[in-house]
Amino acid sequence: MRWILALLAIVVTLSVLSLVVTVLKWLIIIAVVVAAVGAIGAVVGVITGKGRPRLPR
């Protein structure tokens, strides 16, 4: 009877761990996408001249 509880505890622990890993993976993917979009936006802004404020002459 006790090994059934141990097996159940192991299964629950593994499922929780896999859930945490999945959530972390999605957070990392979202962070990378946001950073890439921000970098592309900054590069496009600099190329078009709108990224940095114009210096008064």
PDB file of N, CA and C in Angstrom:
ATOM      1  N   MET A   1       0.840  -1.203   0.000  1.00  0.00           N
ATOM      2  CA  MET A   1       0.000   0.000   0.000  1.00  0.00           C
ATOM      3  C   MET A   1       0.878   1.258   0.000  1.00  0.00           C
ATOM      4  N   ARG A   2       1.971   1.200   0.743  1.00  0.00           N
ATOM      5  CA  ARG A   2       2.817   2.386   0.860  1.00  0.00           C
ATOM      6  C   ARG A   2       3.510   2.698  -0.461  1.00  0.00           C
ATOM      7  N   TRP A   3       3.885   1.666  -1.247  1.00  0.00           N
ATOM      8  CA  TRP A   3       4.579   1.930  -2.516  1.00  0.00           C
ATOM      9  C   TRP A   3       3.647   2.590  -3.518  1.00  0.00           C
ATOM     10  N   ILE A   4       2.326   2.346  -3.375  1.00  0.00           N
ATOM     11  CA  ILE A   4       1.362   3.025  -4.257  1.00  0.00           C
ATOM     12  C   ILE A   4       1.391   4.533  -3.966  1.00  0.00           C
ATOM     13  N   LEU A   5       1.418   4.877  -2.689  1.00  0.00           N
ATOM     14  CA  LEU A   5       1.491   6.297  -2.318  1.00  0.00           C
ATOM     15  C   LEU A   5       2.796   6.918  -2.798  1.00  0.00           C
ATOM     16  N   ALA A   6       3.895   6.165  -2.673  1.00  0.00           N
ATOM     17  CA  ALA A   6       5.189   6.672  -3.134  1.00  0.00           C
ATOM     18  C   ALA A   6       5.163   6.897  -4.641  1.00  0.00           C
ATOM     19  N   LEU A   7       4.592   5.936  -5.366  1.00  0.00           N
ATOM     20  CA  LEU A   7       4.481   6.062  -6.825  1.00  0.00           C
ATOM     21  C   LEU A   7       3.634   7.284  -7.185  1.00  0.00           C
ATOM     22  N   LEU A   8       2.520   7.453  -6.471  1.00  0.00           N
ATOM     23  CA  LEU A   8       1.638   8.602  -6.711  1.00  0.00           C
ATOM     24  C   LEU A   8       2.388   9.912  -6.459  1.00  0.00           C
ATOM     25  N   ALA A   9       3.155   9.961  -5.375  1.00  0.00           N
ATOM     26  CA  ALA A   9       3.921  11.168  -5.053  1.00  0.00           C
ATOM     27  C   ALA A   9       4.940  11.466  -6.149  1.00  0.00           C
ATOM     28  N   ILE A  10       5.604  10.418  -6.662  1.00  0.00           N
ATOM     29  CA  ILE A  10       6.590  10.609  -7.732  1.00  0.00           C
ATOM     30  C   ILE A  10       5.908  11.136  -8.990  1.00  0.00           C
ATOM     31  N   VAL A  11       4.758  10.551  -9.338  1.00  0.00           N
ATOM     32  CA  VAL A  11       4.036  10.980 -10.546  1.00  0.00           C
ATOM     33  C   VAL A  11       3.597  12.439 -10.410  1.00  0.00           C
ATOM     34  N   VAL A  12       3.057  12.793  -9.245  1.00  0.00           N
ATOM     35  CA  VAL A  12       2.607  14.175  -9.022  1.00  0.00           C
ATOM     36  C   VAL A  12       3.788  15.138  -9.113  1.00  0.00           C
ATOM     37  N   THR A  13       4.914  14.747  -8.496  1.00  0.00           N
ATOM     38  CA  THR A  13       6.102  15.611  -8.535  1.00  0.00           C
ATOM     39  C   THR A  13       6.583  15.811  -9.962  1.00  0.00           C
ATOM     40  N   LEU A  14       6.620  14.721 -10.741  1.00  0.00           N
ATOM     41  CA  LEU A  14       7.091  14.818 -12.126  1.00  0.00           C
ATOM     42  C   LEU A  14       6.158  15.687 -12.962  1.00  0.00           C
ATOM     43  N   SER A  15       4.848  15.527 -12.770  1.00  0.00           N
ATOM     44  CA  SER A  15       3.907  16.324 -13.564  1.00  0.00           C
ATOM     45  C   SER A  15       4.017  17.803 -13.206  1.00  0.00           C
ATOM     46  N   VAL A  16       4.180  18.102 -11.916  1.00  0.00           N
ATOM     47  CA  VAL A  16       4.344  19.501 -11.499  1.00  0.00           C
ATOM     48  C   VAL A  16       5.631  20.075 -12.088  1.00  0.00           C
ATOM     49  N   LEU A  17       6.715  19.273 -12.049  1.00  0.00           N
ATOM     50  CA  LEU A  17       7.988  19.735 -12.605  1.00  0.00           C
ATOM     51  C   LEU A  17       7.867  20.008 -14.098  1.00  0.00           C
ATOM     52  N   SER A  18       7.202  19.104 -14.823  1.00  0.00           N
ATOM     53  CA  SER A  18       7.070  19.307 -16.271  1.00  0.00           C
ATOM     54  C   SER A  18       6.216  20.542 -16.560  1.00  0.00           C
ATOM     55  N   LEU A  19       5.200  20.765 -15.728  1.00  0.00           N
ATOM     56  CA  LEU A  19       4.361  21.960 -15.895  1.00  0.00           C
ATOM     57  C   LEU A  19       5.190  23.225 -15.684  1.00  0.00           C
ATOM     58  N   VAL A  20       6.020  23.219 -14.629  1.00  0.00           N
ATOM     59  CA  VAL A  20       6.876  24.381 -14.350  1.00  0.00           C
ATOM     60  C   VAL A  20       7.848  24.617 -15.504  1.00  0.00           C
ATOM     61  N   VAL A  21       8.436  23.524 -16.022  1.00  0.00           N
ATOM     62  CA  VAL A  21       9.377  23.654 -17.140  1.00  0.00           C
ATOM     63  C   VAL A  21       8.673  24.226 -18.364  1.00  0.00           C
ATOM     64  N   THR A  22       7.439  23.764 -18.625  1.00  0.00           N
ATOM     65  CA  THR A  22       6.686  24.272 -19.779  1.00  0.00           C
ATOM     66  C   THR A  22       6.404  25.767 -19.623  1.00  0.00           C
ATOM     67  N   VAL A  23       5.973  26.171 -18.428  1.00  0.00           N
ATOM     68  CA  VAL A  23       5.679  27.590 -18.186  1.00  0.00           C
ATOM     69  C   VAL A  23       6.945  28.428 -18.359  1.00  0.00           C
ATOM     70  N   LEU A  24       8.066  27.941 -17.799  1.00  0.00           N
ATOM     71  CA  LEU A  24       9.331  28.674 -17.930  1.00  0.00           C
ATOM     72  C   LEU A  24       9.743  28.778 -19.391  1.00  0.00           C
ATOM     73  N   LYS A  25       9.549  27.677 -20.155  1.00  0.00           N
ATOM     74  CA  LYS A  25       9.916  27.687 -21.570  1.00  0.00           C
ATOM     75  C   LYS A  25       9.106  28.752 -22.312  1.00  0.00           C
ATOM     76  N   TRP A  26       7.798  28.820 -22.035  1.00  0.00           N
ATOM     77  CA  TRP A  26       6.965  29.818 -22.707  1.00  0.00           C
ATOM     78  C   TRP A  26       7.369  31.228 -22.302  1.00  0.00           C
ATOM     79  N   LEU A  27       7.698  31.427 -21.015  1.00  0.00           N
ATOM     80  CA  LEU A  27       8.135  32.756 -20.567  1.00  0.00           C
ATOM     81  C   LEU A  27       9.421  33.172 -21.274  1.00  0.00           C
ATOM     82  N   ILE A  28      10.353  32.212 -21.426  1.00  0.00           N
ATOM     83  CA  ILE A  28      11.615  32.521 -22.113  1.00  0.00           C
ATOM     84  C   ILE A  28      11.345  32.862 -23.575  1.00  0.00           C
ATOM     85  N   ILE A  29      10.452  32.078 -24.230  1.00  0.00           N
ATOM     86  CA  ILE A  29      10.130  32.334 -25.643  1.00  0.00           C
ATOM     87  C   ILE A  29       9.513  33.729 -25.789  1.00  0.00           C
ATOM     88  N   ILE A  30       8.568  34.059 -24.892  1.00  0.00           N
ATOM     89  CA  ILE A  30       7.912  35.374 -24.963  1.00  0.00           C
ATOM     90  C   ILE A  30       8.934  36.491 -24.752  1.00  0.00           C
ATOM     91  N   ALA A  31       9.841  36.302 -23.779  1.00  0.00           N
ATOM     92  CA  ALA A  31      10.857  37.325 -23.511  1.00  0.00           C
ATOM     93  C   ALA A  31      11.771  37.515 -24.718  1.00  0.00           C
ATOM     94  N   VAL A  32      12.167  36.405 -25.364  1.00  0.00           N
ATOM     95  CA  VAL A  32      13.036  36.495 -26.545  1.00  0.00           C
ATOM     96  C   VAL A  32      12.313  37.212 -27.678  1.00  0.00           C
ATOM     97  N   VAL A  33      11.031  36.880 -27.887  1.00  0.00           N
ATOM     98  CA  VAL A  33      10.263  37.527 -28.960  1.00  0.00           C
ATOM     99  C   VAL A  33      10.132  39.024 -28.686  1.00  0.00           C
ATOM    100  N   VAL A  34       9.817  39.383 -27.441  1.00  0.00           N
ATOM    101  CA  VAL A  34       9.676  40.803 -27.096  1.00  0.00           C
ATOM    102  C   VAL A  34      10.997  41.542 -27.302  1.00  0.00           C
ATOM    103  N   ALA A  35      12.107  40.919 -26.879  1.00  0.00           N
ATOM    104  CA  ALA A  35      13.417  41.551 -27.050  1.00  0.00           C
ATOM    105  C   ALA A  35      13.758  41.707 -28.530  1.00  0.00           C
ATOM    106  N   ALA A  36      13.442  40.680 -29.338  1.00  0.00           N
ATOM    107  CA  ALA A  36      13.737  40.749 -30.771  1.00  0.00           C
ATOM    108  C   ALA A  36      12.911  41.848 -31.428  1.00  0.00           C
ATOM    109  N   VAL A  37      11.630  41.927 -31.085  1.00  0.00           N
ATOM    110  CA  VAL A  37      10.771  42.966 -31.666  1.00  0.00           C
ATOM    111  C   VAL A  37      11.272  44.349 -31.255  1.00  0.00           C
ATOM    112  N   GLY A  38      11.671  44.502 -29.993  1.00  0.00           N
ATOM    113  CA  GLY A  38      12.198  45.787 -29.541  1.00  0.00           C
ATOM    114  C   GLY A  38      13.474  46.165 -30.272  1.00  0.00           C
ATOM    115  N   ALA A  39      14.370  45.186 -30.473  1.00  0.00           N
ATOM    116  CA  ALA A  39      15.624  45.468 -31.176  1.00  0.00           C
ATOM    117  C   ALA A  39      15.358  45.837 -32.629  1.00  0.00           C
ATOM    118  N   ILE A  40      14.439  45.095 -33.282  1.00  0.00           N
ATOM    119  CA  ILE A  40      14.110  45.401 -34.682  1.00  0.00           C
ATOM    120  C   ILE A  40      13.503  46.800 -34.774  1.00  0.00           C
ATOM    121  N   GLY A  41      12.608  47.126 -33.838  1.00  0.00           N
ATOM    122  CA  GLY A  41      11.999  48.453 -33.828  1.00  0.00           C
ATOM    123  C   GLY A  41      13.039  49.548 -33.647  1.00  0.00           C
ATOM    124  N   ALA A  42      14.014  49.313 -32.762  1.00  0.00           N
ATOM    125  CA  ALA A  42      15.065  50.310 -32.542  1.00  0.00           C
ATOM    126  C   ALA A  42      15.919  50.480 -33.792  1.00  0.00           C
ATOM    127  N   VAL A  43      16.269  49.360 -34.436  1.00  0.00           N
ATOM    128  CA  VAL A  43      17.095  49.437 -35.655  1.00  0.00           C
ATOM    129  C   VAL A  43      16.345  50.175 -36.756  1.00  0.00           C
ATOM    130  N   VAL A  44      15.069  49.823 -36.943  1.00  0.00           N
ATOM    131  CA  VAL A  44      14.274  50.494 -37.978  1.00  0.00           C
ATOM    132  C   VAL A  44      14.151  51.982 -37.657  1.00  0.00           C
ATOM    133  N   GLY A  45      13.948  52.308 -36.369  1.00  0.00           N
ATOM    134  CA  GLY A  45      13.846  53.714 -35.980  1.00  0.00           C
ATOM    135  C   GLY A  45      15.126  54.474 -36.258  1.00  0.00           C
ATOM    136  N   VAL A  46      16.272  53.861 -35.980  1.00  0.00           N
ATOM    137  CA  VAL A  46      17.551  54.533 -36.235  1.00  0.00           C
ATOM    138  C   VAL A  46      17.759  54.709 -37.731  1.00  0.00           C
ATOM    139  N   ILE A  47      17.407  53.666 -38.525  1.00  0.00           N
ATOM    140  CA  ILE A  47      17.604  53.751 -39.981  1.00  0.00           C
ATOM    141  C   ILE A  47      16.732  54.863 -40.563  1.00  0.00           C
ATOM    142  N   THR A  48      15.480  54.944 -40.120  1.00  0.00           N
ATOM    143  CA  THR A  48      14.576  55.952 -40.670  1.00  0.00           C
ATOM    144  C   THR A  48      14.800  57.316 -40.027  1.00  0.00           C
ATOM    145  N   GLY A  49      15.648  57.385 -38.976  1.00  0.00           N
ATOM    146  CA  GLY A  49      15.952  58.661 -38.351  1.00  0.00           C
ATOM    147  C   GLY A  49      14.975  59.058 -37.271  1.00  0.00           C
ATOM    148  N   LYS A  50      13.995  58.179 -36.955  1.00  0.00           N
ATOM    149  CA  LYS A  50      13.013  58.537 -35.938  1.00  0.00           C
ATOM    150  C   LYS A  50      13.368  57.938 -34.580  1.00  0.00           C
ATOM    151  N   GLY A  51      14.359  57.061 -34.541  1.00  0.00           N
ATOM    152  CA  GLY A  51      14.675  56.365 -33.303  1.00  0.00           C
ATOM    153  C   GLY A  51      15.287  57.279 -32.264  1.00  0.00           C
ATOM    154  N   ARG A  52      16.185  58.167 -32.682  1.00  0.00           N
ATOM    155  CA  ARG A  52      16.831  59.061 -31.719  1.00  0.00           C
ATOM    156  C   ARG A  52      16.336  60.484 -31.951  1.00  0.00           C
ATOM    157  N   PRO A  53      16.253  61.267 -30.899  1.00  0.00           N
ATOM    158  CA  PRO A  53      15.794  62.653 -31.074  1.00  0.00           C
ATOM    159  C   PRO A  53      16.819  63.465 -31.862  1.00  0.00           C
ATOM    160  N   ARG A  54      16.318  64.376 -32.690  1.00  0.00           N
ATOM    161  CA  ARG A  54      17.207  65.222 -33.501  1.00  0.00           C
ATOM    162  C   ARG A  54      17.923  66.217 -32.603  1.00  0.00           C
ATOM    163  N   LEU A  55      19.194  66.386 -32.847  1.00  0.00           N
ATOM    164  CA  LEU A  55      19.937  67.386 -32.073  1.00  0.00           C
ATOM    165  C   LEU A  55      19.696  68.766 -32.681  1.00  0.00           C
ATOM    166  N   PRO A  56      19.362  69.739 -31.839  1.00  0.00           N
ATOM    167  CA  PRO A  56      19.166  71.101 -32.388  1.00  0.00           C
ATOM    168  C   PRO A  56      20.488  71.674 -32.892  1.00  0.00           C
ATOM    169  N   ARG A  57      20.450  72.234 -34.083  1.00  0.00           N
ATOM    170  CA  ARG A  57      21.674  72.787 -34.683  1.00  0.00           C
ATOM    171  C   ARG A  57      21.807  74.263 -34.310  1.00  0.00           C
TER     172      ARG A  57
END
